[in-house]
Amino acid sequence: MQATTPVIQLDRAPIAIQGVPFDNVNLAEILALASEMVASRQPHYVTIVGVDFITAAMEDVELRRILFDAHLVVAEDKTVVWASKVLGNMLPENVTIPNLIPHLLALAEGKSWRVFLLGGDDSAAGKVQARYPQLQLAGAYTPPDQPLLEMDHAEIRRRLRAAKPDILLVAFGSPKQEKWINMNYREAGVPFVLGAGLTFDFLTGETKPANRTGTQFRKFIRAVFHQWWRLRARKTSASLVGAEVIPDAVGNLIIRAPGRLDAAAAQASQSEWLRAAENSNVFFDLTDTVFADSTGVGTLIRLRRRARERGWQFFLIAPRPPVEAALKLMKLEEFFAIQASLAGARMVMEAGAGAAQVSSGVLEAELQIRWSGEVTVLNAVELGAHTESELSQVTPGMTVAIDLSRVTFVDSTGIGLMVRFKKNLKRRDINLKFVNAIASVRNVMRQTQLEEFLLG
């Protein structure tokens, strides 16, 4: 199995705060990691996350998933650093966009990296070039102000592929820029992609940071104390040690987790666990684990992310109620492949866990199609082609029902695919209805303001 991204080594264990996996890095380490990413020539995206972003993500399934999968997640606010201290694994510092990007551009200037500015306004390129006269500005483009799903993504990607930048800064504002990045960063092929807010004016000191509302701040503080209370260390006879990595008969690796999956265990074992996730499918056996804290959950996210980057599968096996409760508290249980036994995980893996599938049948004048798995940018083209093949048997006046009951997650690209099918079939006098969407799928539809259009 070939790696699609380089191995980015992070020495300190991450911490999950309200389900967001913060990497334990300072500004100098972020710049060093940016150099690794650029040298790799493989696409990566980095997110800078503050209190406002966290509170928004708790209500937006797709945004939580984007943060879950990000190659690097950095704390923007001092309040987030404070929260990490309360939760037992203090982050070294907060790093704001107005602080990071000038350092990043100065580094790019010194290393002759090519930089592309996407969004903001038409004056951004001139302002940046005036401040960094030796910077290789590969291009700048301000697309028309449109909703995410109405943007000409192909045209933007065409410009990026022609410019071949090393760094892409996207100023669409959150969460639009993060969703655009997730939809396009792979095909755009830029090694380091970062959301920059609404404009690039901060580079010349023309804007001030936005004020956070008291409601968001209070909501975040309450949530942090609730997480601390629910995941606080309790007296237990469970061992701090006992973790081991064992190969099975067909080359997969079984990680037997310790009795306590806390900051001490994560820090001691994460390097070995990450090596396992880089080189094999992993079954993370939680049978004997009776406690997990915020760092333990953050480490599980990093392991799952590393396995995904390398093209491997990652399963949580037999989590006990305390671990299940920790995942549920942070709304993460739906993002992991969880099985009650090793045998069950092996059966799911052999069947193609998470792969999008299409099946169909005709009942009277209605074609019934069932989608299953995840519907995302990674499989939208393939899923669309399979669905088009099934639709070849449909004639004007018929109804098509696409059953979403087995779809576990959909992103904005998946929503765009659904909209395209609905509009195209309507032009052919065919009624398309999507049925039985689960709550998390409906959440993404609602965030894109398309729930009523798609579900009617």
Protein backbone atom coordinates (compact mmCIF):
# COMPACT_ATOMS: atom_id res chain seq x y z
CA MET A 1 0.00 0.00 0.00
CA GLN A 2 1.53 3.29 -1.09
CA ALA A 3 1.42 6.38 1.10
CA THR A 4 -0.43 9.35 -0.31
CA THR A 5 1.00 11.81 2.21
CA PRO A 6 4.30 12.03 4.06
CA VAL A 7 4.64 10.99 7.65
CA ILE A 8 4.38 14.17 9.73
CA GLN A 9 5.94 13.41 13.11
CA LEU A 10 4.45 15.18 16.13
CA ASP A 11 6.21 14.33 19.38
CA ARG A 12 3.60 15.42 21.92
CA ALA A 13 0.22 13.74 22.23
CA PRO A 14 -2.79 15.67 20.88
CA ILE A 15 -5.87 16.57 22.90
CA ALA A 16 -9.53 16.44 21.90
CA ILE A 17 -11.53 19.47 23.01
CA GLN A 18 -15.22 19.10 22.24
CA GLY A 19 -14.30 16.55 19.59
CA VAL A 20 -11.73 18.77 17.87
CA PRO A 21 -8.27 17.10 17.82
CA PHE A 22 -5.73 19.83 18.61
CA ASP A 23 -2.14 19.09 17.70
CA ASN A 24 0.38 19.93 20.41
CA VAL A 25 2.56 22.36 18.43
CA ASN A 26 3.98 25.85 18.67
CA LEU A 27 4.59 28.40 15.91
CA ALA A 28 8.13 27.22 15.11
CA GLU A 29 6.93 23.62 14.79
CA ILE A 30 4.06 24.66 12.49
CA LEU A 31 6.55 26.34 10.16
CA ALA A 32 8.79 23.26 10.27
CA LEU A 33 5.81 21.07 9.40
CA ALA A 34 4.91 23.44 6.56
CA SER A 35 8.39 22.85 5.15
CA GLU A 36 7.86 19.08 5.35
CA MET A 37 4.52 19.36 3.60
CA VAL A 38 5.90 21.52 0.79
CA ALA A 39 8.86 19.16 0.34
CA SER A 40 6.48 16.18 0.08
CA ARG A 41 4.61 17.66 -2.94
CA GLN A 42 1.48 15.94 -1.59
CA PRO A 43 -1.71 17.89 -0.71
CA HIS A 44 -2.39 18.87 2.91
CA TYR A 45 -4.75 21.23 4.68
CA VAL A 46 -4.22 23.00 8.00
CA THR A 47 -6.88 24.58 10.22
CA ILE A 48 -6.58 27.31 12.85
CA VAL A 49 -9.42 26.81 15.31
CA GLY A 50 -10.79 29.09 18.00
CA VAL A 51 -13.79 29.15 20.29
CA ASP A 52 -16.18 30.38 17.59
CA PHE A 53 -15.10 27.60 15.25
CA ILE A 54 -15.49 24.91 17.92
CA THR A 55 -19.00 26.01 18.87
CA ALA A 56 -19.99 26.08 15.19
CA ALA A 57 -18.54 22.60 14.64
CA MET A 58 -20.58 21.15 17.49
CA GLU A 59 -23.71 21.93 15.44
CA ASP A 60 -22.29 21.04 12.00
CA VAL A 61 -21.44 17.37 11.35
CA GLU A 62 -19.51 18.11 8.17
CA LEU A 63 -17.37 20.74 9.87
CA ARG A 64 -16.55 18.33 12.71
CA ARG A 65 -15.52 15.73 10.14
CA ILE A 66 -13.29 18.26 8.34
CA LEU A 67 -11.49 19.00 11.61
CA PHE A 68 -11.34 15.29 12.41
CA ASP A 69 -9.48 14.63 9.15
CA ALA A 70 -7.30 17.78 8.97
CA HIS A 71 -3.55 17.19 8.69
CA LEU A 72 -2.85 19.79 11.38
CA VAL A 73 -5.25 21.49 13.83
CA VAL A 74 -3.89 24.51 15.73
CA ALA A 75 -5.39 26.42 18.67
CA GLU A 76 -6.16 30.02 17.77
CA ASP A 77 -7.39 31.38 21.10
CA LYS A 78 -5.78 31.61 24.52
CA THR A 79 -9.10 30.30 25.80
CA VAL A 80 -8.48 27.04 23.94
CA VAL A 81 -5.01 26.76 25.50
CA TRP A 82 -6.61 27.34 28.90
CA ALA A 83 -9.12 24.57 28.16
CA SER A 84 -6.32 22.16 27.26
CA LYS A 85 -4.73 22.86 30.66
CA VAL A 86 -8.01 22.18 32.44
CA LEU A 87 -8.34 18.91 30.51
CA GLY A 88 -4.86 17.71 31.47
CA ASN A 89 -2.65 18.26 28.40
CA MET A 90 -1.71 21.91 28.00
CA LEU A 91 -0.98 23.14 24.49
CA PRO A 92 2.22 25.21 24.23
CA GLU A 93 0.67 28.39 22.80
CA ASN A 94 -2.10 29.83 20.69
CA VAL A 95 -1.32 30.78 17.10
CA THR A 96 -3.55 33.28 15.29
CA ILE A 97 -3.92 33.72 11.54
CA PRO A 98 -2.51 37.30 11.67
CA ASN A 99 0.51 35.90 13.50
CA LEU A 100 1.08 32.74 11.45
CA ILE A 101 0.64 34.01 7.89
CA PRO A 102 3.30 36.78 8.02
CA HIS A 103 5.82 34.21 9.34
CA LEU A 104 4.68 31.76 6.65
CA LEU A 105 5.07 34.31 3.87
CA ALA A 106 8.47 35.37 5.15
CA LEU A 107 9.53 31.72 5.10
CA ALA A 108 8.10 31.33 1.60
CA GLU A 109 10.03 34.40 0.48
CA GLY A 110 13.27 32.95 1.79
CA LYS A 111 12.68 29.49 0.32
CA SER A 112 11.33 30.70 -3.04
CA TRP A 113 7.98 28.98 -2.49
CA ARG A 114 5.15 29.94 -4.81
CA VAL A 115 2.08 31.39 -3.06
CA PHE A 116 -1.48 31.71 -4.40
CA LEU A 117 -4.12 33.99 -2.84
CA LEU A 118 -7.71 32.80 -3.30
CA GLY A 119 -10.57 35.05 -2.20
CA GLY A 120 -10.37 38.31 -0.33
CA ASP A 121 -10.51 41.25 -2.73
CA ASP A 122 -8.71 42.27 -5.90
CA SER A 123 -6.26 44.50 -4.02
CA ALA A 124 -4.86 41.65 -1.89
CA ALA A 125 -2.08 40.67 -4.29
CA GLY A 126 -0.69 44.18 -4.47
CA LYS A 127 -0.71 44.56 -0.70
CA VAL A 128 1.08 41.25 -0.18
CA GLN A 129 3.64 41.92 -2.90
CA ALA A 130 4.39 45.37 -1.46
CA ARG A 131 5.14 43.88 1.95
CA TYR A 132 7.07 40.88 0.59
CA PRO A 133 8.76 42.18 -2.58
CA GLN A 134 10.80 38.99 -3.15
CA LEU A 135 7.83 36.67 -2.68
CA GLN A 136 6.99 34.49 -5.69
CA LEU A 137 3.28 35.22 -5.99
CA ALA A 138 2.01 32.44 -8.23
CA GLY A 139 -1.38 34.06 -8.65
CA ALA A 140 -4.42 35.64 -7.05
CA TYR A 141 -8.07 35.12 -7.85
CA THR A 142 -11.27 36.46 -6.33
CA PRO A 143 -14.15 34.31 -7.59
CA PRO A 144 -17.72 35.64 -7.73
CA ASP A 145 -19.43 35.71 -4.33
CA GLN A 146 -21.70 32.65 -4.54
CA PRO A 147 -22.92 29.91 -2.22
CA LEU A 148 -20.45 27.04 -1.93
CA LEU A 149 -22.33 24.59 -4.15
CA GLU A 150 -22.85 27.19 -6.88
CA MET A 151 -19.17 28.11 -7.22
CA ASP A 152 -17.22 27.15 -10.33
CA HIS A 153 -14.89 24.74 -8.55
CA ALA A 154 -13.48 23.38 -11.80
CA GLU A 155 -12.34 26.82 -12.92
CA ILE A 156 -10.63 27.53 -9.60
CA ARG A 157 -8.86 24.16 -9.69
CA ARG A 158 -7.79 24.84 -13.28
CA ARG A 159 -6.16 28.10 -12.22
CA LEU A 160 -4.41 26.42 -9.31
CA ARG A 161 -3.07 23.54 -11.39
CA ALA A 162 -1.75 26.02 -13.96
CA ALA A 163 -0.09 28.18 -11.28
CA LYS A 164 1.45 25.21 -9.38
CA PRO A 165 1.70 26.97 -5.99
CA ASP A 166 3.40 25.52 -2.93
CA ILE A 167 1.10 27.41 -0.56
CA LEU A 168 -2.57 28.28 -1.01
CA LEU A 169 -4.26 30.80 1.28
CA VAL A 170 -8.07 30.77 1.04
CA ALA A 171 -10.05 33.79 2.24
CA PHE A 172 -13.72 32.83 1.96
CA GLY A 173 -14.50 33.10 5.68
CA SER A 174 -15.42 30.19 7.94
CA PRO A 175 -16.89 27.67 7.52
CA LYS A 176 -17.16 28.20 3.74
CA GLN A 177 -13.38 28.19 3.23
CA GLU A 178 -12.89 24.97 5.22
CA LYS A 179 -15.63 23.23 3.25
CA TRP A 180 -14.23 24.49 -0.05
CA ILE A 181 -10.77 23.28 0.93
CA ASN A 182 -12.06 19.84 1.88
CA MET A 183 -13.88 19.55 -1.45
CA ASN A 184 -10.96 20.66 -3.60
CA TYR A 185 -7.54 20.38 -1.94
CA ARG A 186 -6.79 16.87 -3.21
CA GLU A 187 -7.46 17.62 -6.85
CA ALA A 188 -5.86 21.06 -6.62
CA GLY A 189 -2.69 19.31 -5.45
CA VAL A 190 -1.26 22.17 -3.34
CA PRO A 191 1.09 20.93 -0.58
CA PHE A 192 0.03 23.46 2.09
CA VAL A 193 -3.51 24.87 2.17
CA LEU A 194 -4.75 27.20 4.91
CA GLY A 195 -7.96 29.15 5.48
CA ALA A 196 -7.20 32.84 6.08
CA GLY A 197 -10.56 34.31 7.10
CA LEU A 198 -12.56 36.83 5.10
CA THR A 199 -9.75 39.04 3.77
CA PHE A 200 -5.99 39.48 3.69
CA ASP A 201 -6.23 42.99 5.12
CA PHE A 202 -4.67 41.94 8.43
CA LEU A 203 -1.33 41.75 6.60
CA THR A 204 -1.31 45.54 6.46
CA GLY A 205 -2.97 46.12 9.83
CA GLU A 206 -6.21 47.38 8.29
CA THR A 207 -8.58 45.18 10.26
CA LYS A 208 -9.10 44.22 13.87
CA PRO A 209 -9.94 40.73 15.15
CA ALA A 210 -13.66 40.05 15.29
CA ASN A 211 -15.25 40.18 18.72
CA ARG A 212 -16.58 36.90 20.04
CA THR A 213 -20.12 36.91 21.38
CA GLY A 214 -20.66 36.24 25.05
CA THR A 215 -23.07 33.43 24.19
CA GLN A 216 -20.41 31.48 22.27
CA PHE A 217 -17.84 32.00 25.01
CA ARG A 218 -20.18 30.87 27.78
CA LYS A 219 -21.26 27.86 25.74
CA PHE A 220 -17.65 26.84 25.24
CA ILE A 221 -16.71 27.27 28.91
CA ARG A 222 -19.70 25.20 30.03
CA ALA A 223 -18.81 22.49 27.54
CA VAL A 224 -15.18 22.35 28.68
CA PHE A 225 -16.14 21.94 32.34
CA HIS A 226 -18.70 19.32 31.37
CA GLN A 227 -15.99 17.43 29.46
CA TRP A 228 -13.58 17.76 32.39
CA TRP A 229 -16.19 16.46 34.82
CA ARG A 230 -17.19 13.51 32.66
CA LEU A 231 -13.61 12.51 31.78
CA ARG A 232 -11.87 13.36 35.03
CA ALA A 233 -9.50 10.72 36.41
CA ARG A 234 -11.10 8.32 38.87
CA LYS A 235 -9.51 5.85 41.23
CA THR A 236 -9.23 2.50 39.50
CA SER A 237 -7.16 -0.64 39.65
CA ALA A 238 -6.61 -0.54 35.90
CA SER A 239 -2.96 -0.66 34.91
CA LEU A 240 -1.20 2.34 33.39
CA VAL A 241 0.77 -0.07 31.22
CA GLY A 242 0.00 -3.20 29.27
CA ALA A 243 -0.27 -1.87 25.74
CA GLU A 244 1.19 -4.13 23.05
CA VAL A 245 1.16 -4.44 19.28
CA ILE A 246 0.59 -7.94 17.90
CA PRO A 247 0.52 -9.04 14.23
CA ASP A 248 -2.28 -11.35 13.19
CA ALA A 249 -2.04 -14.22 10.73
CA VAL A 250 -2.62 -12.11 7.61
CA GLY A 251 -0.42 -9.11 8.34
CA ASN A 252 -2.85 -6.79 10.13
CA LEU A 253 -1.84 -5.37 13.50
CA ILE A 254 -3.75 -5.64 16.76
CA ILE A 255 -3.04 -2.91 19.31
CA ARG A 256 -4.10 -4.05 22.75
CA ALA A 257 -4.83 -0.82 24.60
CA PRO A 258 -3.88 -0.36 28.27
CA GLY A 259 -6.42 -0.30 31.07
CA ARG A 260 -6.22 3.49 31.18
CA LEU A 261 -6.07 5.35 27.87
CA ASP A 262 -4.96 8.65 29.38
CA ALA A 263 -2.30 11.29 28.75
CA ALA A 264 0.48 9.20 30.31
CA ALA A 265 -0.35 6.09 28.26
CA ALA A 266 -0.83 8.09 25.04
CA GLN A 267 2.48 9.90 25.42
CA ALA A 268 4.33 6.65 26.19
CA SER A 269 2.86 4.60 23.33
CA GLN A 270 1.75 6.92 20.53
CA SER A 271 4.97 6.62 18.51
CA GLU A 272 4.68 2.83 18.36
CA TRP A 273 0.97 3.04 17.61
CA LEU A 274 1.52 5.56 14.81
CA ARG A 275 4.11 3.28 13.18
CA ALA A 276 1.50 0.52 13.23
CA ALA A 277 -1.10 2.77 11.57
CA GLU A 278 1.39 3.76 8.89
CA ASN A 279 2.09 0.21 7.77
CA SER A 280 -1.00 -1.93 8.22
CA ASN A 281 -4.70 -2.17 8.89
CA VAL A 282 -5.14 -1.72 12.63
CA PHE A 283 -7.54 -3.25 15.14
CA PHE A 284 -7.35 -1.10 18.28
CA ASP A 285 -8.57 -3.51 20.97
CA LEU A 286 -10.22 -1.67 23.88
CA THR A 287 -11.50 -4.79 25.63
CA ASP A 288 -9.53 -4.09 28.82
CA THR A 289 -9.71 -0.28 28.75
CA VAL A 290 -11.88 1.16 31.51
CA PHE A 291 -10.95 4.84 31.23
CA ALA A 292 -10.16 7.35 28.47
CA ASP A 293 -9.43 11.04 28.93
CA SER A 294 -9.30 13.94 26.45
CA THR A 295 -5.73 13.08 25.41
CA GLY A 296 -6.61 9.42 24.93
CA VAL A 297 -9.47 10.37 22.61
CA GLY A 298 -7.22 12.83 20.77
CA THR A 299 -4.70 10.04 20.21
CA LEU A 300 -7.40 7.76 18.76
CA ILE A 301 -8.31 10.52 16.30
CA ARG A 302 -4.67 10.96 15.27
CA LEU A 303 -4.26 7.19 14.75
CA ARG A 304 -7.40 6.97 12.65
CA ARG A 305 -6.26 9.99 10.63
CA ARG A 306 -2.79 8.51 10.06
CA ALA A 307 -4.26 5.20 8.89
CA ARG A 308 -6.62 7.03 6.52
CA GLU A 309 -3.74 9.08 5.08
CA ARG A 310 -1.82 5.91 4.34
CA GLY A 311 -4.81 4.06 2.87
CA TRP A 312 -5.31 1.60 5.74
CA GLN A 313 -8.40 0.77 7.77
CA PHE A 314 -8.64 1.49 11.50
CA PHE A 315 -11.15 -0.21 13.80
CA LEU A 316 -12.02 0.27 17.45
CA ILE A 317 -12.74 -3.13 18.96
CA ALA A 318 -15.10 -3.73 21.89
CA PRO A 319 -14.99 -0.32 23.62
CA ARG A 320 -16.36 -0.54 27.14
CA PRO A 321 -19.05 1.88 28.37
CA PRO A 322 -16.62 4.53 29.73
CA VAL A 323 -14.82 4.76 26.38
CA GLU A 324 -18.09 4.73 24.45
CA ALA A 325 -19.32 7.53 26.71
CA ALA A 326 -16.18 9.60 26.00
CA LEU A 327 -16.66 9.26 22.24
CA LYS A 328 -20.37 10.04 22.49
CA LEU A 329 -19.69 13.08 24.67
CA MET A 330 -17.60 14.57 21.87
CA LYS A 331 -19.96 13.39 19.10
CA LEU A 332 -17.23 11.22 17.61
CA GLU A 333 -18.73 7.74 17.71
CA GLU A 334 -20.04 8.06 14.14
CA PHE A 335 -16.57 8.91 12.81
CA PHE A 336 -14.95 5.67 13.94
CA ALA A 337 -15.46 2.15 12.61
CA ILE A 338 -16.50 0.36 15.81
CA GLN A 339 -16.97 -3.40 16.07
CA ALA A 340 -17.83 -5.64 19.00
CA SER A 341 -15.17 -8.24 18.15
CA LEU A 342 -12.07 -8.84 16.07
CA ALA A 343 -13.98 -11.39 14.00
CA GLY A 344 -16.68 -8.84 13.22
CA ALA A 345 -14.10 -6.21 12.23
CA ARG A 346 -12.37 -8.66 9.90
CA MET A 347 -15.68 -9.47 8.19
CA VAL A 348 -16.46 -5.77 7.71
CA MET A 349 -12.95 -5.08 6.42
CA GLU A 350 -13.15 -7.86 3.87
CA ALA A 351 -16.53 -6.51 2.71
CA GLY A 352 -15.06 -3.05 2.17
CA ALA A 353 -15.87 -0.93 5.21
CA GLY A 354 -17.08 2.58 4.41
CA ALA A 355 -17.05 2.05 0.65
CA ALA A 356 -19.95 3.63 -1.18
CA GLN A 357 -22.23 1.08 -2.81
CA VAL A 358 -25.29 1.20 -5.06
CA SER A 359 -28.05 -1.39 -5.38
CA SER A 360 -31.46 -1.11 -7.00
CA GLY A 361 -34.79 -2.72 -7.77
CA VAL A 362 -37.99 -1.77 -9.59
CA LEU A 363 -41.34 -1.77 -7.80
CA GLU A 364 -44.30 -0.93 -10.07
CA ALA A 365 -43.49 2.50 -11.58
CA GLU A 366 -40.76 3.33 -9.07
CA LEU A 367 -37.06 2.61 -9.31
CA GLN A 368 -35.64 2.09 -5.85
CA ILE A 369 -31.92 2.73 -5.41
CA ARG A 370 -30.03 2.21 -2.18
CA TRP A 371 -26.81 4.05 -1.40
CA SER A 372 -24.62 2.85 1.44
CA GLY A 373 -21.39 3.89 3.13
CA GLU A 374 -20.01 7.43 2.91
CA VAL A 375 -20.85 9.84 0.08
CA THR A 376 -17.93 12.25 -0.13
CA VAL A 377 -15.50 13.92 -2.47
CA LEU A 378 -13.46 10.70 -2.41
CA ASN A 379 -16.13 8.59 -4.10
CA ALA A 380 -18.69 11.01 -5.59
CA VAL A 381 -17.56 10.43 -9.19
CA GLU A 382 -17.65 6.65 -8.86
CA LEU A 383 -20.96 6.66 -6.99
CA GLY A 384 -22.44 9.02 -9.57
CA ALA A 385 -21.38 6.75 -12.43
CA HIS A 386 -22.92 3.68 -10.77
CA THR A 387 -26.14 5.58 -10.12
CA GLU A 388 -26.30 6.84 -13.70
CA SER A 389 -26.02 3.22 -14.84
CA GLU A 390 -28.99 2.24 -12.67
CA LEU A 391 -30.99 5.22 -13.99
CA SER A 392 -30.67 3.94 -17.58
CA GLN A 393 -33.82 1.87 -17.01
CA VAL A 394 -35.94 4.92 -16.03
CA THR A 395 -38.48 6.46 -18.41
CA PRO A 396 -40.38 9.79 -18.22
CA GLY A 397 -43.19 9.79 -15.70
CA MET A 398 -41.49 7.31 -13.36
CA THR A 399 -40.36 8.00 -9.81
CA VAL A 400 -36.91 7.26 -8.45
CA ALA A 401 -36.39 6.78 -4.71
CA ILE A 402 -32.82 6.81 -3.40
CA ASP A 403 -32.75 5.23 0.05
CA LEU A 404 -30.16 6.88 2.33
CA SER A 405 -30.77 4.72 5.40
CA ARG A 406 -27.35 3.07 5.04
CA VAL A 407 -25.44 6.26 4.23
CA THR A 408 -23.31 7.02 7.26
CA PHE A 409 -21.92 10.40 6.21
CA VAL A 410 -22.24 12.90 3.38
CA ASP A 411 -20.16 16.03 2.71
CA SER A 412 -20.83 19.10 0.56
CA THR A 413 -19.60 17.27 -2.55
CA GLY A 414 -22.11 14.51 -1.83
CA ILE A 415 -24.87 17.08 -1.37
CA GLY A 416 -23.87 18.63 -4.70
CA LEU A 417 -24.16 15.20 -6.35
CA MET A 418 -27.68 14.80 -4.94
CA VAL A 419 -28.71 18.25 -6.17
CA ARG A 420 -27.36 17.48 -9.65
CA PHE A 421 -29.33 14.23 -9.89
CA LYS A 422 -32.51 15.91 -8.68
CA LYS A 423 -32.27 18.75 -11.22
CA ASN A 424 -31.24 16.54 -14.14
CA LEU A 425 -34.05 14.04 -13.57
CA LYS A 426 -36.61 16.82 -13.23
CA ARG A 427 -35.65 18.01 -16.71
CA ARG A 428 -36.40 14.47 -17.92
CA ASP A 429 -39.86 14.50 -16.24
CA ILE A 430 -38.71 12.03 -13.61
CA ASN A 431 -39.45 12.62 -9.95
CA LEU A 432 -36.48 11.90 -7.65
CA LYS A 433 -36.90 11.63 -3.92
CA PHE A 434 -34.30 10.92 -1.26
CA VAL A 435 -35.69 8.96 1.68
CA ASN A 436 -34.69 7.65 5.10
CA ALA A 437 -31.75 9.99 5.71
CA ILE A 438 -30.20 9.53 9.16
CA ALA A 439 -29.78 12.50 11.51
CA SER A 440 -26.15 13.27 10.64
CA VAL A 441 -26.93 13.29 6.90
CA ARG A 442 -29.91 15.59 7.47
CA ASN A 443 -27.60 17.85 9.48
CA VAL A 444 -25.36 18.41 6.46
CA MET A 445 -28.39 19.05 4.26
CA ARG A 446 -29.64 21.58 6.80
CA GLN A 447 -26.30 23.38 6.97
CA THR A 448 -26.35 23.78 3.17
CA GLN A 449 -30.00 24.93 3.37
CA LEU A 450 -31.04 22.13 1.02
CA GLU A 451 -32.89 19.79 3.38
CA GLU A 452 -36.35 20.78 2.16
CA PHE A 453 -35.32 20.72 -1.51
CA LEU A 454 -33.78 17.25 -1.27
CA LEU A 455 -36.22 15.59 1.11
CA GLY A 456 -39.34 17.59 0.25
